[in-house]
Amino acid sequence: MGGKTLLVCSFAFLVLVTQYVCFPQASGVSAPVDNPELVSALEQPDQEFDQANRTTTSTNSIMTWLVALVSVMVLGMMSLLGFALRYVQGIAKEVRETAREAMKEAAEHVERITIGAHKASDEADASLNRVRRLEADVKKTYWIIKANAWIGEAALFEEDHPLRTLYYGLAEEALSDAVELDPSDGTACIWKAWLRKRHGFIEEALRLVEGAIQNSDLHPHEVARAYYNAACYCALLSDQSSAKAGRAIDHLKIAIEKHEIFRVLARTDEDFASLRDSQAFQDLIN
């Protein structure tokens, strides 16, 4: 309604301005004339002058309506352009809102994809780590089995036979590879310690077997054997330290508590030669 009112008022204003300013003769208002001769001529009842005056008035009226018509057309176009502008602005606003919502949804979608990708990456890393651990376990088990086989082959030969020495050397290399793959594998550590003891590296053997006792999940029978072997190694080192003798007794006591067979084995085991006269040792084996 405001736009229509403005249009009507503008049209009326333009008509008045055109009638009274641009064409004063058409409105009945005479323009002031200072020429006496012209005034005299106008006052004469001349038929030709009246005819010319009417023609001029008619022309002025036509021009007035033409100007008014052009003005109305201009105002109409301006109103149409205003409406078009408001329409375009409304569409632009809707487009901006739609784009904003689309960007928001896209950002949320990207965030979900990113979270999913991180989760998938974590799961892939976990799976890869499991595969690597499985691969290491397979390799370790292979080397332990090979070492046991070579130890069994070595037992078929006399103590000083070259093949016996060769097989024990191969077994020790295999067990070293197994321990390198998994330092916490108690079985590999126990067998490697036993081979190191055979080569005279008793301190190293003791460290390996006591490490297996403290840091490994051993089968109960293997735990008993580990304590028994540790007792043997401590007994072999007892001449260097009285503390080693005490540790040998403690380890042997635990081994016997876990399995009675080690009481019988200790009675004839030459590794306990230094403890034969010890009352604590005699109490354990009898």
Protein backbone atom coordinates (compact mmCIF):
# COMPACT_ATOMS: atom_id res chain seq x y z
CA MET A 1 0.00 0.00 0.00
CA GLY A 2 2.86 2.41 0.79
CA GLY A 3 4.37 1.88 -2.65
CA LYS A 4 1.07 2.61 -4.41
CA THR A 5 0.47 5.79 -2.39
CA LEU A 6 4.01 6.98 -3.19
CA LEU A 7 3.38 6.30 -6.88
CA VAL A 8 0.09 8.29 -6.94
CA CYS A 9 1.58 11.22 -5.03
CA SER A 10 4.60 11.32 -7.31
CA PHE A 11 2.37 11.28 -10.37
CA ALA A 12 0.20 14.17 -9.08
CA PHE A 13 3.26 16.16 -8.18
CA LEU A 14 4.77 15.71 -11.63
CA VAL A 15 1.50 16.73 -13.32
CA LEU A 16 1.30 19.94 -11.28
CA VAL A 17 4.91 20.78 -11.86
CA THR A 18 4.57 20.19 -15.56
CA GLN A 19 1.30 22.19 -15.80
CA TYR A 20 2.30 25.23 -13.79
CA VAL A 21 6.04 25.40 -14.35
CA CYS A 22 6.85 23.96 -17.71
CA PHE A 23 3.68 25.06 -19.54
CA PRO A 24 2.09 28.06 -17.81
CA GLN A 25 -0.17 28.93 -20.78
CA ALA A 26 -1.90 25.53 -20.62
CA SER A 27 -2.99 26.10 -17.03
CA GLY A 28 -4.74 29.43 -17.70
CA VAL A 29 -2.05 31.51 -16.03
CA SER A 30 -0.57 34.14 -18.34
CA ALA A 31 3.10 34.79 -18.24
CA PRO A 32 4.02 38.45 -17.67
CA VAL A 33 4.89 40.33 -20.90
CA ASP A 34 6.91 43.57 -20.84
CA ASN A 35 6.67 44.42 -24.58
CA PRO A 36 3.89 47.01 -25.16
CA GLU A 37 3.67 46.25 -28.84
CA LEU A 38 3.13 42.56 -28.14
CA VAL A 39 0.48 43.43 -25.54
CA SER A 40 -1.24 45.60 -28.05
CA ALA A 41 -1.11 42.90 -30.65
CA LEU A 42 -2.52 40.34 -28.25
CA GLU A 43 -5.37 42.57 -27.31
CA GLN A 44 -6.47 42.95 -30.92
CA PRO A 45 -9.27 40.57 -31.83
CA ASP A 46 -7.28 38.79 -34.50
CA GLN A 47 -8.81 35.50 -35.61
CA GLU A 48 -5.50 34.06 -36.81
CA PHE A 49 -3.82 34.79 -33.45
CA ASP A 50 -6.65 33.11 -31.58
CA GLN A 51 -6.29 30.06 -33.79
CA ALA A 52 -2.52 29.93 -33.14
CA ASN A 53 -3.09 30.38 -29.43
CA ARG A 54 -5.51 27.44 -29.35
CA THR A 55 -3.05 25.32 -31.29
CA THR A 56 -0.26 26.15 -28.83
CA THR A 57 -2.52 25.38 -25.89
CA SER A 58 -3.47 22.01 -27.40
CA THR A 59 0.18 21.19 -28.05
CA ASN A 60 1.10 22.14 -24.50
CA SER A 61 -1.65 19.89 -23.14
CA ILE A 62 -0.42 16.95 -25.23
CA MET A 63 3.12 17.52 -24.04
CA THR A 64 1.89 17.69 -20.49
CA TRP A 65 0.17 14.32 -20.77
CA LEU A 66 3.17 12.82 -22.55
CA VAL A 67 5.47 13.97 -19.76
CA ALA A 68 3.03 12.62 -17.19
CA LEU A 69 2.83 9.32 -19.04
CA VAL A 70 6.63 9.05 -19.22
CA SER A 71 6.82 9.92 -15.53
CA VAL A 72 4.32 7.19 -14.69
CA MET A 73 6.29 4.73 -16.78
CA VAL A 74 9.55 5.73 -15.07
CA LEU A 75 7.96 5.44 -11.63
CA GLY A 76 6.46 2.10 -12.60
CA MET A 77 9.83 0.86 -13.75
CA MET A 78 11.42 2.11 -10.55
CA SER A 79 8.78 0.31 -8.51
CA LEU A 80 9.28 -2.82 -10.59
CA LEU A 81 13.01 -2.57 -10.13
CA GLY A 82 12.53 -2.10 -6.38
CA PHE A 83 10.32 -5.17 -6.25
CA ALA A 84 12.84 -7.13 -8.34
CA LEU A 85 15.64 -5.98 -6.05
CA ARG A 86 13.73 -7.08 -2.94
CA TYR A 87 12.95 -10.39 -4.64
CA VAL A 88 16.58 -10.93 -5.55
CA GLN A 89 17.65 -9.99 -2.02
CA GLY A 90 15.17 -12.54 -0.63
CA ILE A 91 16.53 -15.23 -2.94
CA ALA A 92 20.10 -14.28 -2.00
CA LYS A 93 19.22 -14.57 1.68
CA GLU A 94 17.69 -18.00 1.14
CA VAL A 95 20.76 -19.05 -0.86
CA ARG A 96 23.04 -17.85 1.94
CA GLU A 97 21.02 -19.75 4.54
CA THR A 98 20.99 -22.88 2.37
CA ALA A 99 24.73 -22.57 1.77
CA ARG A 100 25.35 -22.07 5.49
CA GLU A 101 23.33 -25.18 6.35
CA ALA A 102 25.08 -27.14 3.59
CA MET A 103 28.50 -26.06 4.87
CA LYS A 104 27.50 -27.00 8.41
CA GLU A 105 26.33 -30.44 7.30
CA ALA A 106 29.48 -30.86 5.20
CA ALA A 107 31.67 -29.93 8.18
CA GLU A 108 29.83 -32.42 10.39
CA HIS A 109 30.14 -35.07 7.69
CA VAL A 110 33.86 -34.39 7.32
CA GLU A 111 34.25 -34.57 11.10
CA ARG A 112 32.47 -37.93 11.18
CA ILE A 113 34.64 -39.18 8.33
CA THR A 114 37.76 -37.95 10.13
CA ILE A 115 36.77 -39.64 13.38
CA GLY A 116 35.97 -42.81 11.46
CA ALA A 117 39.30 -42.63 9.64
CA HIS A 118 41.18 -42.20 12.92
CA LYS A 119 39.29 -45.10 14.43
CA ALA A 120 39.99 -47.25 11.37
CA SER A 121 43.65 -46.24 11.51
CA ASP A 122 43.86 -47.18 15.20
CA GLU A 123 42.19 -50.51 14.50
CA ALA A 124 44.56 -51.11 11.58
CA ASP A 125 47.55 -50.31 13.79
CA ALA A 126 46.26 -52.65 16.47
CA SER A 127 45.71 -55.40 13.90
CA LEU A 128 49.19 -54.83 12.48
CA ASN A 129 50.69 -55.04 15.96
CA ARG A 130 48.81 -58.29 16.58
CA VAL A 131 50.11 -59.67 13.31
CA ARG A 132 53.64 -58.63 14.21
CA ARG A 133 53.37 -60.24 17.65
CA LEU A 134 51.97 -63.38 16.06
CA GLU A 135 54.80 -63.42 13.56
CA ALA A 136 57.33 -62.99 16.36
CA ASP A 137 55.67 -65.78 18.36
CA VAL A 138 55.78 -68.11 15.36
CA LYS A 139 59.45 -67.37 14.74
CA LYS A 140 60.27 -67.73 18.43
CA THR A 141 58.43 -71.05 18.67
CA TYR A 142 60.24 -72.25 15.56
CA TRP A 143 63.65 -71.45 17.06
CA ILE A 144 62.77 -73.09 20.39
CA ILE A 145 61.61 -76.25 18.61
CA LYS A 146 64.80 -76.30 16.52
CA ALA A 147 66.93 -75.78 19.63
CA ASN A 148 65.23 -78.66 21.44
CA ALA A 149 65.76 -80.86 18.39
CA TRP A 150 69.47 -80.01 18.27
CA ILE A 151 69.83 -80.59 22.02
CA GLY A 152 68.22 -83.98 21.51
CA GLU A 153 70.62 -84.75 18.67
CA ALA A 154 73.59 -83.68 20.79
CA ALA A 155 72.57 -86.05 23.58
CA LEU A 156 73.10 -88.98 21.22
CA PHE A 157 76.86 -88.42 21.15
CA GLU A 158 79.63 -88.67 23.73
CA GLU A 159 80.64 -85.61 25.71
CA ASP A 160 83.71 -84.76 23.61
CA HIS A 161 82.26 -85.74 20.25
CA PRO A 162 82.47 -82.93 17.64
CA LEU A 163 78.86 -83.39 16.61
CA ARG A 164 77.72 -82.98 20.19
CA THR A 165 79.54 -79.66 20.37
CA LEU A 166 78.14 -78.63 16.98
CA TYR A 167 74.54 -79.38 17.91
CA TYR A 168 74.82 -77.58 21.23
CA GLY A 169 76.23 -74.55 19.38
CA LEU A 170 73.35 -74.57 16.89
CA ALA A 171 70.86 -74.88 19.73
CA GLU A 172 72.39 -71.92 21.54
CA GLU A 173 72.21 -69.76 18.40
CA ALA A 174 68.55 -70.69 17.91
CA LEU A 175 67.74 -69.88 21.54
CA SER A 176 69.58 -66.56 21.28
CA ASP A 177 67.34 -65.65 18.32
CA ALA A 178 64.26 -66.68 20.33
CA VAL A 179 65.29 -64.58 23.34
CA GLU A 180 66.03 -61.61 21.06
CA LEU A 181 62.48 -61.84 19.67
CA ASP A 182 60.96 -62.11 23.15
CA PRO A 183 63.27 -61.49 26.13
CA SER A 184 60.41 -62.41 28.49
CA ASP A 185 60.04 -65.95 27.11
CA GLY A 186 60.93 -68.06 30.12
CA THR A 187 61.35 -71.34 28.26
CA ALA A 188 63.93 -69.91 25.85
CA CYS A 189 65.78 -68.20 28.71
CA ILE A 190 65.93 -71.41 30.76
CA TRP A 191 67.32 -73.45 27.89
CA LYS A 192 69.79 -70.76 26.86
CA ALA A 193 70.97 -70.48 30.48
CA TRP A 194 71.52 -74.25 30.58
CA LEU A 195 73.68 -74.07 27.43
CA ARG A 196 75.64 -71.05 28.72
CA LYS A 197 76.32 -73.00 31.91
CA ARG A 198 77.71 -75.88 29.83
CA HIS A 199 80.16 -73.44 28.23
CA GLY A 200 81.25 -72.15 31.65
CA PHE A 201 79.32 -68.85 31.66
CA ILE A 202 77.62 -69.57 34.97
CA GLU A 203 77.03 -65.95 36.04
CA GLU A 204 75.26 -65.25 32.76
CA ALA A 205 73.28 -68.46 33.11
CA LEU A 206 72.17 -67.44 36.60
CA ARG A 207 71.03 -63.99 35.38
CA LEU A 208 69.02 -65.56 32.57
CA VAL A 209 67.22 -68.10 34.72
CA GLU A 210 66.49 -65.72 37.59
CA GLY A 211 65.18 -63.20 35.05
CA ALA A 212 62.88 -65.89 33.67
CA ILE A 213 61.59 -66.60 37.18
CA GLN A 214 60.82 -62.93 37.85
CA ASN A 215 59.57 -61.72 34.45
CA SER A 216 57.95 -64.68 32.72
CA ASP A 217 54.65 -66.52 32.84
CA LEU A 218 55.98 -70.04 33.12
CA HIS A 219 54.15 -73.33 33.38
CA PRO A 220 54.26 -74.60 37.02
CA HIS A 221 56.61 -77.43 36.04
CA GLU A 222 58.89 -74.96 34.24
CA VAL A 223 58.88 -72.72 37.31
CA ALA A 224 60.07 -75.65 39.44
CA ARG A 225 62.78 -76.50 36.92
CA ALA A 226 63.87 -72.83 36.73
CA TYR A 227 64.29 -72.72 40.53
CA TYR A 228 66.20 -76.00 40.45
CA ASN A 229 68.56 -74.75 37.72
CA ALA A 230 69.05 -71.48 39.62
CA ALA A 231 69.95 -73.52 42.71
CA CYS A 232 72.52 -75.47 40.67
CA TYR A 233 74.13 -72.30 39.29
CA CYS A 234 74.24 -70.67 42.73
CA ALA A 235 75.82 -73.81 44.16
CA LEU A 236 78.50 -73.74 41.45
CA LEU A 237 79.26 -70.12 42.42
CA SER A 238 79.07 -70.71 46.21
CA ASP A 239 82.85 -70.87 46.54
CA GLN A 240 82.94 -67.22 45.41
CA SER A 241 80.29 -65.97 47.84
CA SER A 242 78.56 -67.42 50.88
CA ALA A 243 75.44 -65.52 49.79
CA LYS A 244 75.32 -67.69 46.70
CA ALA A 245 75.19 -70.78 48.92
CA GLY A 246 72.22 -69.35 50.80
CA ARG A 247 70.46 -68.52 47.55
CA ALA A 248 71.13 -72.06 46.29
CA ILE A 249 69.39 -73.52 49.35
CA ASP A 250 66.46 -71.12 48.98
CA HIS A 251 66.01 -71.90 45.27
CA LEU A 252 66.27 -75.66 45.84
CA LYS A 253 63.70 -75.52 48.65
CA ILE A 254 61.17 -73.81 46.36
CA ALA A 255 61.84 -76.29 43.54
CA ILE A 256 61.24 -79.26 45.86
CA GLU A 257 58.06 -77.66 47.22
CA LYS A 258 56.74 -77.31 43.69
CA HIS A 259 57.76 -80.81 42.56
CA GLU A 260 59.10 -83.71 44.64
CA ILE A 261 61.20 -85.07 41.77
CA PHE A 262 63.80 -82.37 42.35
CA ARG A 263 64.52 -83.73 45.83
CA VAL A 264 65.55 -87.01 44.20
CA LEU A 265 67.59 -85.32 41.48
CA ALA A 266 69.48 -83.16 43.97
CA ARG A 267 70.78 -86.22 45.83
CA THR A 268 73.07 -87.21 42.93
CA ASP A 269 73.51 -83.93 41.05
CA GLU A 270 77.21 -83.01 40.89
CA ASP A 271 76.36 -79.31 40.72
CA PHE A 272 75.60 -79.45 44.47
CA ALA A 273 78.98 -80.92 45.40
CA SER A 274 79.95 -77.79 47.33
CA LEU A 275 76.78 -78.11 49.48
CA ARG A 276 76.96 -81.84 50.32
CA ASP A 277 78.26 -81.20 53.80
CA SER A 278 75.72 -78.46 54.52
CA GLN A 279 73.11 -79.49 57.07
CA ALA A 280 70.52 -77.29 55.32
CA PHE A 281 71.15 -79.16 52.08
CA GLN A 282 70.94 -82.55 53.79
CA ASP A 283 67.66 -81.58 55.41
CA LEU A 284 66.24 -80.75 51.99
CA ILE A 285 67.25 -83.94 50.18
CA ASN A 286 66.37 -86.40 52.97
